[in-house]
Amino acid sequence: ALLAIVVLVVGAHMLLPVMAESMTFLTFAIPTTVMLGMSGLLLLLGLLLGLFGSAIAMGRYLKA
């Protein structure tokens, strides 16, 4: 989940200015609250996915 957040932040800071220069008729501003919300959502989804995967693995291990 942290890797996804890093990619999101770095991509927003590196790609958005380049896209804004080439497409001046569009605005690419992402508010800080949206970035924080997306980061929190990615962190939560990563946590849930990890918990789900661990539960499956432990269930298989304990069954054997």
Protein backbone atom coordinates (compact mmCIF):
# COMPACT_ATOMS: atom_id res chain seq x y z
CA ALA A 1 0.00 0.00 0.00
CA LEU A 2 2.85 2.37 0.74
CA LEU A 3 4.33 1.74 -2.70
CA ALA A 4 1.01 2.71 -4.29
CA ILE A 5 0.93 5.93 -2.26
CA VAL A 6 4.49 6.79 -3.28
CA VAL A 7 3.65 6.17 -6.95
CA LEU A 8 0.53 8.33 -6.59
CA VAL A 9 2.38 11.27 -5.03
CA VAL A 10 5.43 11.09 -7.30
CA GLY A 11 3.24 10.69 -10.36
CA ALA A 12 1.15 13.69 -9.39
CA HIS A 13 4.22 15.86 -8.89
CA MET A 14 6.09 14.72 -12.00
CA LEU A 15 3.42 13.90 -14.59
CA LEU A 16 0.79 16.54 -13.92
CA PRO A 17 3.02 19.54 -14.80
CA VAL A 18 4.05 17.86 -18.07
CA MET A 19 0.43 17.11 -18.94
CA ALA A 20 -0.65 20.63 -17.98
CA GLU A 21 1.92 22.13 -20.37
CA SER A 22 0.82 20.02 -23.31
CA MET A 23 -2.93 20.37 -22.68
CA THR A 24 -3.48 23.97 -21.60
CA PHE A 25 -7.25 23.75 -22.04
CA LEU A 26 -7.56 21.32 -19.10
CA THR A 27 -6.79 21.85 -15.42
CA PHE A 28 -4.87 19.14 -13.62
CA ALA A 29 -4.87 20.55 -10.09
CA ILE A 30 -5.53 17.89 -7.45
CA PRO A 31 -6.46 19.33 -4.04
CA THR A 32 -4.49 18.17 -1.02
CA THR A 33 -7.63 16.80 0.61
CA VAL A 34 -8.23 14.55 -2.40
CA MET A 35 -4.63 13.29 -2.31
CA LEU A 36 -4.91 12.57 1.42
CA GLY A 37 -8.22 10.80 0.91
CA MET A 38 -6.83 8.67 -1.90
CA SER A 39 -3.74 7.86 0.17
CA GLY A 40 -5.89 6.82 3.11
CA LEU A 41 -8.09 4.69 0.89
CA LEU A 42 -5.06 2.97 -0.66
CA LEU A 43 -3.64 2.31 2.80
CA LEU A 44 -6.94 0.87 4.03
CA LEU A 45 -7.36 -1.34 0.95
CA GLY A 46 -3.78 -2.60 1.31
CA LEU A 47 -4.38 -3.39 4.96
CA LEU A 48 -7.60 -5.27 4.22
CA LEU A 49 -6.02 -7.19 1.36
CA GLY A 50 -3.11 -8.19 3.59
CA LEU A 51 -5.42 -9.30 6.38
CA PHE A 52 -7.54 -11.32 3.95
CA GLY A 53 -4.50 -13.00 2.41
CA SER A 54 -3.04 -13.79 5.82
CA ALA A 55 -6.33 -15.29 7.00
CA ILE A 56 -6.46 -17.56 3.95
CA ALA A 57 -2.83 -18.64 4.39
CA MET A 58 -3.27 -19.32 8.11
CA GLY A 59 -6.44 -21.29 7.45
CA ARG A 60 -4.64 -23.49 4.94
CA TYR A 61 -1.65 -23.93 7.24
CA LEU A 62 -3.75 -24.84 10.28
CA LYS A 63 -5.94 -27.21 8.27
CA ALA A 64 -2.93 -29.30 7.20
